Amino acid sequence: MGASFPASFYQRWVQELSRKTRNLQIDSQSVGSGVGIERFTQGLDEQIARVRGGVFGLPMTAGGIVLAYNLAGVENLRLSQKNYADIFLGNIRRGFKGIY
């Protein structure tokens, strides 16, 4: 259960592992990370009952993010690393003066 982004990676891993391991059943559903976490922590996964120390998320893959823009009159926009971070932190919004 979990994030949709790595679903294709998981499918490949499950195929390979199933090919090499007999009587293995893996149920991985691409439902989104929020729903996956919710289901897991609500006990819908039978294994959660056996976990004594709690659970934690483990990053399995990473992907790039591209920012696209269409600002009238702006032909050559160059953002610093700080600008990118501030956009994702919500510190820079539409109409912010000083970027360009």
Protein backbone atom coordinates (compact mmCIF):
# COMPACT_ATOMS: atom_id res chain seq x y z
CA MET A 1 0.00 0.00 0.00
CA GLY A 2 1.21 3.45 -0.61
CA ALA A 3 2.63 6.03 -2.88
CA SER A 4 1.81 5.95 -6.57
CA PHE A 5 5.16 7.36 -7.75
CA PRO A 6 7.25 4.24 -6.96
CA ALA A 7 4.48 1.78 -7.95
CA SER A 8 6.21 0.71 -11.18
CA PHE A 9 9.45 0.05 -9.26
CA TYR A 10 7.57 -2.07 -6.72
CA GLN A 11 5.83 -4.05 -9.48
CA ARG A 12 9.19 -4.95 -11.00
CA TRP A 13 10.69 -5.90 -7.62
CA VAL A 14 7.66 -8.06 -6.78
CA GLN A 15 7.90 -9.82 -10.17
CA GLU A 16 11.57 -10.64 -9.66
CA LEU A 17 11.14 -11.70 -6.04
CA SER A 18 8.10 -13.85 -6.86
CA ARG A 19 10.06 -15.54 -9.64
CA LYS A 20 12.79 -16.49 -7.17
CA THR A 21 10.66 -17.23 -4.10
CA ARG A 22 7.96 -19.88 -3.88
CA ASN A 23 4.65 -19.31 -2.10
CA LEU A 24 5.25 -15.59 -1.75
CA GLN A 25 2.28 -13.24 -1.68
CA ILE A 26 2.80 -9.49 -1.77
CA ASP A 27 -0.10 -7.06 -1.92
CA SER A 28 1.04 -3.62 -2.98
CA GLN A 29 -1.69 -1.17 -3.93
CA SER A 30 -0.98 2.20 -5.50
CA VAL A 31 -3.44 4.26 -3.47
CA GLY A 32 -1.31 7.33 -2.68
CA SER A 33 1.05 7.80 0.24
CA GLY A 34 -1.54 9.45 2.48
CA VAL A 35 -4.05 6.60 2.10
CA GLY A 36 -1.28 4.01 2.45
CA ILE A 37 -0.10 5.52 5.73
CA GLU A 38 -3.68 5.83 6.97
CA ARG A 39 -4.51 2.19 6.19
CA PHE A 40 -1.28 0.94 7.69
CA THR A 41 -1.62 2.86 10.96
CA GLN A 42 -5.31 1.97 11.30
CA GLY A 43 -4.41 -1.68 11.36
CA LEU A 44 -5.79 -2.66 7.96
CA ASP A 45 -2.45 -4.31 7.27
CA GLU A 46 -2.35 -7.56 9.28
CA GLN A 47 1.37 -7.18 9.99
CA ILE A 48 0.87 -3.98 12.01
CA ALA A 49 -0.46 -6.04 14.91
CA ARG A 50 2.96 -7.69 15.24
CA VAL A 51 4.98 -4.46 15.30
CA ARG A 52 5.99 -3.52 18.84
CA GLY A 53 8.17 -0.47 18.33
CA GLY A 54 5.87 1.43 16.01
CA VAL A 55 6.39 2.13 12.34
CA PHE A 56 8.39 4.58 10.29
CA GLY A 57 8.55 5.61 6.66
CA LEU A 58 11.55 4.58 4.62
CA PRO A 59 12.25 6.45 1.35
CA MET A 60 12.55 3.92 -1.45
CA THR A 61 13.19 6.15 -4.46
CA ALA A 62 13.45 9.76 -5.52
CA GLY A 63 12.31 11.81 -8.47
CA GLY A 64 12.95 15.20 -9.93
CA ILE A 65 10.59 18.15 -9.88
CA VAL A 66 10.44 20.71 -12.65
CA LEU A 67 8.96 24.16 -12.24
CA ALA A 68 7.13 25.56 -15.27
CA TYR A 69 6.08 29.18 -15.54
CA ASN A 70 4.22 31.49 -17.85
CA LEU A 71 4.64 35.07 -16.71
CA ALA A 72 3.71 37.81 -19.16
CA GLY A 73 6.70 39.96 -20.01
CA VAL A 74 9.26 37.63 -18.41
CA GLU A 75 11.55 36.08 -21.00
CA ASN A 76 14.63 35.06 -19.02
CA LEU A 77 13.80 33.93 -15.50
CA ARG A 78 16.67 32.62 -13.38
CA LEU A 79 15.89 31.30 -9.94
CA SER A 80 18.47 30.70 -7.24
CA GLN A 81 18.44 27.59 -5.06
CA LYS A 82 17.01 29.74 -2.28
CA ASN A 83 14.20 30.90 -4.60
CA TYR A 84 13.28 27.28 -5.38
CA ALA A 85 13.24 26.40 -1.69
CA ASP A 86 11.17 29.48 -0.84
CA ILE A 87 8.61 28.61 -3.53
CA PHE A 88 8.06 25.15 -2.03
CA LEU A 89 8.03 26.56 1.50
CA GLY A 90 5.31 29.00 0.47
CA ASN A 91 7.47 32.06 1.09
CA ILE A 92 7.22 33.11 -2.57
CA ARG A 93 3.79 33.38 -4.13
CA ARG A 94 2.22 34.95 -7.19
CA GLY A 95 3.04 38.64 -7.39
CA PHE A 96 6.21 38.39 -5.25
CA LYS A 97 8.52 41.28 -6.11
CA GLY A 98 12.25 40.83 -6.29
CA ILE A 99 12.69 37.52 -8.11
CA TYR A 100 13.09 38.99 -11.57
